């Protein structure tokens, strides 16, 4: 059975969706923040959340913070036009589309309890 991801995007998701599906994930799409919050709360099988924030000039982390508040054990990845360093953001990763497959592999292939005990510094070194 494929691992399930929640993709949150208010725009076109075709390239991002195909990237996630090609990486072997089952993907559910939320087209609004409200739907994303509801789906993450109700569906416990999501192993990660990918927020498509490429439409904005700079990344917005408000939704990521809300989603972490609902399920802190689920990694949240923001896909942005410009990546932001780990120490500067309250999410598990803020990356470009090109970095997505590698980042998913690194964050989601590690068992959740072990992932949560890793420091941001050790994750940075693992790149």
Foldseek 3Di string as FASTA:
>chain_A
DAQEEEEEALDDCVVVVVVQVVLGHHYDYDNDLVVVLVCLLPDVRHQAYEYEPAVDPDDDCPSVVSSCVRPVLHFYEYAYPDWDQPVVDPGPTYYHSVCPSVVCCLQRVDPSVVSVVDDSVVVVVVD
